[in-house]
């Protein structure tokens, strides 16, 4: 059974980045389209093993899970799912290009 997602939100930092992309922008469209996919099924991404979580996410957002959704452009969305009484909320933490993603995760 697919979890019921009531909302997809971005952190303040992600929201600032997203708004800075301007219109029209292919990356902004791809990210916006991913919101609908995540709202339909928040587990569509890849769950990241706890031992790989960057400390910044643990300290800053107190995450208890971490997921990666790869975009066709090579960027990755990193998100956290929070269970609430009336459904789940997906919080987008960051959108990173491949090279920044590798640095963040020390690959």
N, C-alpha and C. Protein backbone atom coordinates (compact mmCIF):
# COMPACT_ATOMS: atom_id res chain seq x y z
N UNK A 1 0.84 -1.19 0.00
CA UNK A 1 0.00 0.00 0.00
C UNK A 1 0.89 1.25 0.00
N UNK A 2 0.56 2.19 -0.85
CA UNK A 2 1.32 3.44 -0.96
C UNK A 2 0.88 4.38 0.15
N UNK A 3 1.85 4.95 0.91
CA UNK A 3 1.49 5.88 1.98
C UNK A 3 0.77 7.12 1.45
N UNK A 4 -0.21 7.60 2.23
CA UNK A 4 -0.95 8.81 1.86
C UNK A 4 -0.11 10.04 2.18
N UNK A 5 0.20 10.80 1.16
CA UNK A 5 1.00 12.02 1.34
C UNK A 5 0.06 13.21 1.28
N UNK A 6 0.08 14.02 2.33
CA UNK A 6 -0.80 15.19 2.35
C UNK A 6 -0.12 16.42 1.76
N UNK A 7 1.24 16.45 1.79
CA UNK A 7 1.91 17.65 1.28
C UNK A 7 3.37 17.36 0.95
N UNK A 8 3.90 18.14 0.03
CA UNK A 8 5.33 18.15 -0.30
C UNK A 8 5.79 19.59 -0.09
N UNK A 9 6.76 19.77 0.82
CA UNK A 9 7.24 21.10 1.16
C UNK A 9 8.76 21.13 1.04
N UNK A 10 9.29 22.32 0.90
CA UNK A 10 10.73 22.48 0.90
C UNK A 10 11.20 23.20 2.14
N UNK A 11 12.44 22.95 2.52
CA UNK A 11 13.03 23.71 3.61
C UNK A 11 13.17 25.16 3.14
N UNK A 12 13.47 26.05 4.04
CA UNK A 12 13.67 27.45 3.67
C UNK A 12 14.77 27.58 2.63
N UNK A 13 15.87 26.84 2.84
CA UNK A 13 16.99 26.90 1.91
C UNK A 13 16.60 26.36 0.53
N UNK A 14 15.89 25.23 0.53
CA UNK A 14 15.47 24.67 -0.76
C UNK A 14 14.50 25.62 -1.46
N UNK A 15 13.55 26.17 -0.72
CA UNK A 15 12.57 27.07 -1.31
C UNK A 15 13.24 28.29 -1.93
N UNK A 16 14.25 28.84 -1.25
CA UNK A 16 14.99 29.98 -1.80
C UNK A 16 15.69 29.59 -3.10
N UNK A 17 16.33 28.43 -3.10
CA UNK A 17 17.01 27.94 -4.30
C UNK A 17 16.00 27.77 -5.44
N UNK A 18 14.87 27.13 -5.15
CA UNK A 18 13.85 26.84 -6.15
C UNK A 18 13.32 28.12 -6.77
N UNK A 19 13.02 29.11 -5.94
CA UNK A 19 12.49 30.38 -6.44
C UNK A 19 13.54 31.14 -7.25
N UNK A 20 14.81 30.95 -6.93
CA UNK A 20 15.87 31.66 -7.64
C UNK A 20 16.06 31.15 -9.06
N UNK A 21 15.50 30.01 -9.39
CA UNK A 21 15.68 29.44 -10.73
C UNK A 21 15.00 30.26 -11.82
N UNK A 22 13.97 31.00 -11.46
CA UNK A 22 13.28 31.83 -12.45
C UNK A 22 12.43 31.00 -13.41
N UNK A 23 11.78 31.70 -14.33
CA UNK A 23 10.90 31.05 -15.31
C UNK A 23 11.21 31.58 -16.69
N UNK A 24 11.18 30.83 -17.75
CA UNK A 24 11.09 29.37 -17.72
C UNK A 24 12.46 28.78 -17.41
N UNK A 25 12.48 27.64 -16.77
CA UNK A 25 13.71 26.96 -16.43
C UNK A 25 13.45 25.46 -16.44
N UNK A 26 14.16 24.69 -17.27
CA UNK A 26 13.90 23.25 -17.35
C UNK A 26 14.11 22.51 -16.03
N UNK A 27 15.11 22.93 -15.24
CA UNK A 27 15.34 22.28 -13.95
C UNK A 27 14.17 22.56 -13.01
N UNK A 28 13.69 23.81 -13.00
CA UNK A 28 12.55 24.15 -12.14
C UNK A 28 11.33 23.33 -12.52
N UNK A 29 11.09 23.16 -13.81
CA UNK A 29 9.95 22.35 -14.26
C UNK A 29 10.11 20.90 -13.83
N UNK A 30 11.33 20.36 -13.98
CA UNK A 30 11.57 18.98 -13.59
C UNK A 30 11.37 18.78 -12.09
N UNK A 31 11.84 19.72 -11.29
CA UNK A 31 11.64 19.64 -9.84
C UNK A 31 10.16 19.74 -9.51
N UNK A 32 9.46 20.69 -10.13
CA UNK A 32 8.03 20.86 -9.88
C UNK A 32 7.27 19.57 -10.23
N UNK A 33 7.63 18.95 -11.36
CA UNK A 33 6.98 17.70 -11.76
C UNK A 33 7.25 16.58 -10.74
N UNK A 34 8.43 16.61 -10.13
CA UNK A 34 8.76 15.58 -9.14
C UNK A 34 7.89 15.71 -7.89
N UNK A 35 7.44 16.92 -7.58
CA UNK A 35 6.55 17.10 -6.42
C UNK A 35 5.29 16.25 -6.58
N UNK A 36 4.72 16.24 -7.78
CA UNK A 36 3.51 15.44 -8.04
C UNK A 36 3.80 13.96 -7.87
N UNK A 37 4.95 13.53 -8.38
CA UNK A 37 5.32 12.11 -8.25
C UNK A 37 5.51 11.73 -6.79
N UNK A 38 6.17 12.59 -6.03
CA UNK A 38 6.39 12.31 -4.61
C UNK A 38 5.08 12.34 -3.82
N UNK A 39 4.16 13.18 -4.25
CA UNK A 39 2.86 13.23 -3.56
C UNK A 39 2.06 11.95 -3.84
N UNK A 40 2.25 11.39 -5.03
CA UNK A 40 1.58 10.13 -5.38
C UNK A 40 2.19 8.95 -4.65
N UNK A 41 3.51 8.98 -4.48
CA UNK A 41 4.21 7.88 -3.81
C UNK A 41 5.53 8.40 -3.26
N UNK A 42 5.55 8.69 -1.97
CA UNK A 42 6.74 9.28 -1.36
C UNK A 42 7.91 8.31 -1.27
N UNK A 43 7.66 7.02 -1.52
CA UNK A 43 8.74 6.03 -1.47
C UNK A 43 9.30 5.75 -2.86
N UNK A 44 8.98 6.60 -3.84
CA UNK A 44 9.44 6.41 -5.21
C UNK A 44 10.97 6.59 -5.32
N UNK A 45 11.55 7.33 -4.39
CA UNK A 45 12.99 7.53 -4.40
C UNK A 45 13.73 6.36 -3.80
N UNK A 46 15.02 6.53 -3.64
CA UNK A 46 15.87 5.50 -3.04
C UNK A 46 16.13 5.86 -1.59
N UNK A 47 15.84 4.91 -0.70
CA UNK A 47 16.11 5.15 0.72
C UNK A 47 17.62 5.04 0.94
N UNK A 48 18.18 6.03 1.64
CA UNK A 48 19.61 6.08 1.88
C UNK A 48 19.91 5.46 3.25
N UNK A 49 20.86 4.55 3.28
CA UNK A 49 21.25 3.89 4.53
C UNK A 49 21.72 4.92 5.56
N UNK A 50 21.34 4.68 6.79
CA UNK A 50 21.63 5.61 7.89
C UNK A 50 23.12 5.93 7.99
N UNK A 51 23.98 4.96 7.78
CA UNK A 51 25.42 5.20 7.93
C UNK A 51 25.97 6.15 6.86
N UNK A 52 25.19 6.47 5.84
CA UNK A 52 25.63 7.38 4.78
C UNK A 52 25.08 8.80 4.96
N UNK A 53 24.20 9.01 5.93
CA UNK A 53 23.58 10.32 6.10
C UNK A 53 24.62 11.38 6.47
N UNK A 54 24.63 12.49 5.76
CA UNK A 54 25.52 13.60 6.15
C UNK A 54 25.11 14.17 7.51
N UNK A 55 26.07 14.44 8.33
CA UNK A 55 25.81 14.97 9.68
C UNK A 55 25.03 16.28 9.64
N UNK A 56 25.23 17.07 8.59
CA UNK A 56 24.51 18.35 8.50
C UNK A 56 23.00 18.14 8.51
N UNK A 57 22.52 17.08 7.87
CA UNK A 57 21.07 16.81 7.84
C UNK A 57 20.58 16.35 9.21
N UNK A 58 21.38 15.57 9.88
CA UNK A 58 20.99 15.07 11.20
C UNK A 58 20.92 16.24 12.19
N UNK A 59 21.94 17.09 12.17
CA UNK A 59 21.99 18.21 13.12
C UNK A 59 20.97 19.30 12.80
N UNK A 60 20.88 19.66 11.52
CA UNK A 60 20.04 20.79 11.13
C UNK A 60 18.55 20.45 11.09
N UNK A 61 18.23 19.23 10.62
CA UNK A 61 16.82 18.87 10.41
C UNK A 61 16.33 17.74 11.30
N UNK A 62 17.21 17.17 12.11
CA UNK A 62 16.84 16.05 12.99
C UNK A 62 16.13 14.94 12.22
N UNK A 63 16.68 14.57 11.07
CA UNK A 63 16.04 13.57 10.22
C UNK A 63 16.03 12.20 10.88
N UNK A 64 15.02 11.42 10.54
CA UNK A 64 14.92 10.02 10.98
C UNK A 64 14.89 9.08 9.78
N UNK A 65 14.90 9.66 8.59
CA UNK A 65 15.00 8.89 7.35
C UNK A 65 15.49 9.86 6.28
N UNK A 66 16.07 9.31 5.22
CA UNK A 66 16.58 10.15 4.15
C UNK A 66 16.42 9.41 2.84
N UNK A 67 15.90 10.13 1.86
CA UNK A 67 15.62 9.56 0.54
C UNK A 67 16.25 10.43 -0.54
N UNK A 68 16.55 9.78 -1.66
CA UNK A 68 17.12 10.46 -2.83
C UNK A 68 16.21 10.17 -4.02
N UNK A 69 15.85 11.24 -4.72
CA UNK A 69 15.08 11.07 -5.95
C UNK A 69 15.93 11.62 -7.09
N UNK A 70 16.38 10.75 -8.01
CA UNK A 70 17.22 11.23 -9.12
C UNK A 70 16.38 11.89 -10.21
N UNK A 71 16.80 13.06 -10.63
CA UNK A 71 16.14 13.75 -11.72
C UNK A 71 16.82 13.38 -13.03
N UNK A 72 16.10 13.47 -14.13
CA UNK A 72 16.66 13.13 -15.44
C UNK A 72 17.84 14.02 -15.82
N UNK A 73 17.87 15.22 -15.28
CA UNK A 73 18.95 16.17 -15.59
C UNK A 73 20.26 15.83 -14.89
N UNK A 74 20.25 14.81 -14.04
CA UNK A 74 21.44 14.45 -13.28
C UNK A 74 21.45 15.02 -11.87
N UNK A 75 20.53 15.92 -11.59
CA UNK A 75 20.40 16.45 -10.24
C UNK A 75 19.72 15.41 -9.35
N UNK A 76 19.87 15.59 -8.04
CA UNK A 76 19.19 14.73 -7.07
C UNK A 76 18.41 15.59 -6.08
N UNK A 77 17.21 15.12 -5.77
CA UNK A 77 16.45 15.73 -4.68
C UNK A 77 16.69 14.87 -3.45
N UNK A 78 17.00 15.51 -2.34
CA UNK A 78 17.16 14.80 -1.07
C UNK A 78 16.00 15.21 -0.19
N UNK A 79 15.32 14.20 0.34
CA UNK A 79 14.11 14.50 1.11
C UNK A 79 13.95 13.58 2.31
N UNK A 80 13.07 14.03 3.19
CA UNK A 80 12.79 13.39 4.48
C UNK A 80 11.27 13.25 4.56
N UNK A 81 10.80 12.12 5.05
CA UNK A 81 9.35 11.87 5.18
C UNK A 81 8.98 11.91 6.65
N UNK A 82 7.95 12.70 6.97
CA UNK A 82 7.47 12.82 8.35
C UNK A 82 6.04 12.31 8.42
N UNK A 83 5.82 11.36 9.31
CA UNK A 83 4.48 10.83 9.53
C UNK A 83 3.70 11.71 10.48
N UNK A 84 2.47 12.01 10.10
CA UNK A 84 1.59 12.83 10.92
C UNK A 84 0.25 12.12 11.00
N UNK A 85 -0.61 12.47 11.96
CA UNK A 85 -1.87 11.74 12.12
C UNK A 85 -2.73 11.66 10.85
N UNK A 86 -2.69 12.69 10.01
CA UNK A 86 -3.55 12.70 8.83
C UNK A 86 -2.80 12.38 7.53
N UNK A 87 -1.61 11.83 7.64
CA UNK A 87 -0.85 11.46 6.44
C UNK A 87 0.61 11.83 6.59
N UNK A 88 1.33 11.70 5.50
CA UNK A 88 2.77 12.00 5.50
C UNK A 88 3.04 13.34 4.83
N UNK A 89 4.10 14.00 5.29
CA UNK A 89 4.60 15.20 4.64
C UNK A 89 6.02 14.91 4.17
N UNK A 90 6.28 15.25 2.92
CA UNK A 90 7.62 15.11 2.35
C UNK A 90 8.29 16.47 2.43
N UNK A 91 9.47 16.51 3.03
CA UNK A 91 10.24 17.73 3.13
C UNK A 91 11.47 17.61 2.23
N UNK A 92 11.53 18.46 1.20
CA UNK A 92 12.69 18.49 0.32
C UNK A 92 13.79 19.28 1.04
N UNK A 93 14.92 18.63 1.27
CA UNK A 93 16.03 19.28 1.97
C UNK A 93 16.92 20.06 1.01
N UNK A 94 17.26 19.40 -0.11
CA UNK A 94 18.17 20.03 -1.07
C UNK A 94 17.96 19.44 -2.45
N UNK A 95 18.35 20.19 -3.44
CA UNK A 95 18.50 19.71 -4.81
C UNK A 95 19.97 19.94 -5.15
N UNK A 96 20.64 18.88 -5.55
CA UNK A 96 22.08 18.99 -5.80
C UNK A 96 22.44 18.42 -7.17
N UNK A 97 23.37 19.08 -7.87
CA UNK A 97 23.91 18.47 -9.08
C UNK A 97 24.82 17.31 -8.67
N UNK A 98 25.15 16.46 -9.63
CA UNK A 98 25.89 15.24 -9.34
C UNK A 98 27.17 15.48 -8.55
N UNK A 99 27.98 16.45 -8.95
CA UNK A 99 29.27 16.66 -8.28
C UNK A 99 29.10 17.13 -6.84
N UNK A 100 28.12 17.99 -6.57
CA UNK A 100 27.87 18.44 -5.20
C UNK A 100 27.29 17.32 -4.35
N UNK A 101 26.47 16.49 -4.98
CA UNK A 101 25.91 15.33 -4.28
C UNK A 101 27.05 14.40 -3.83
N UNK A 102 27.99 14.14 -4.72
CA UNK A 102 29.12 13.27 -4.37
C UNK A 102 29.96 13.86 -3.24
N UNK A 103 30.16 15.19 -3.25
CA UNK A 103 30.90 15.83 -2.17
C UNK A 103 30.13 15.72 -0.85
N UNK A 104 28.82 15.98 -0.89
CA UNK A 104 28.01 15.93 0.32
C UNK A 104 28.06 14.54 0.97
N UNK A 105 28.08 13.50 0.13
CA UNK A 105 28.06 12.13 0.64
C UNK A 105 29.46 11.48 0.67
N UNK A 106 30.49 12.27 0.38
CA UNK A 106 31.89 11.81 0.43
C UNK A 106 32.14 10.60 -0.45
N UNK A 107 31.62 10.62 -1.67
CA UNK A 107 31.87 9.53 -2.62
C UNK A 107 33.14 9.80 -3.38
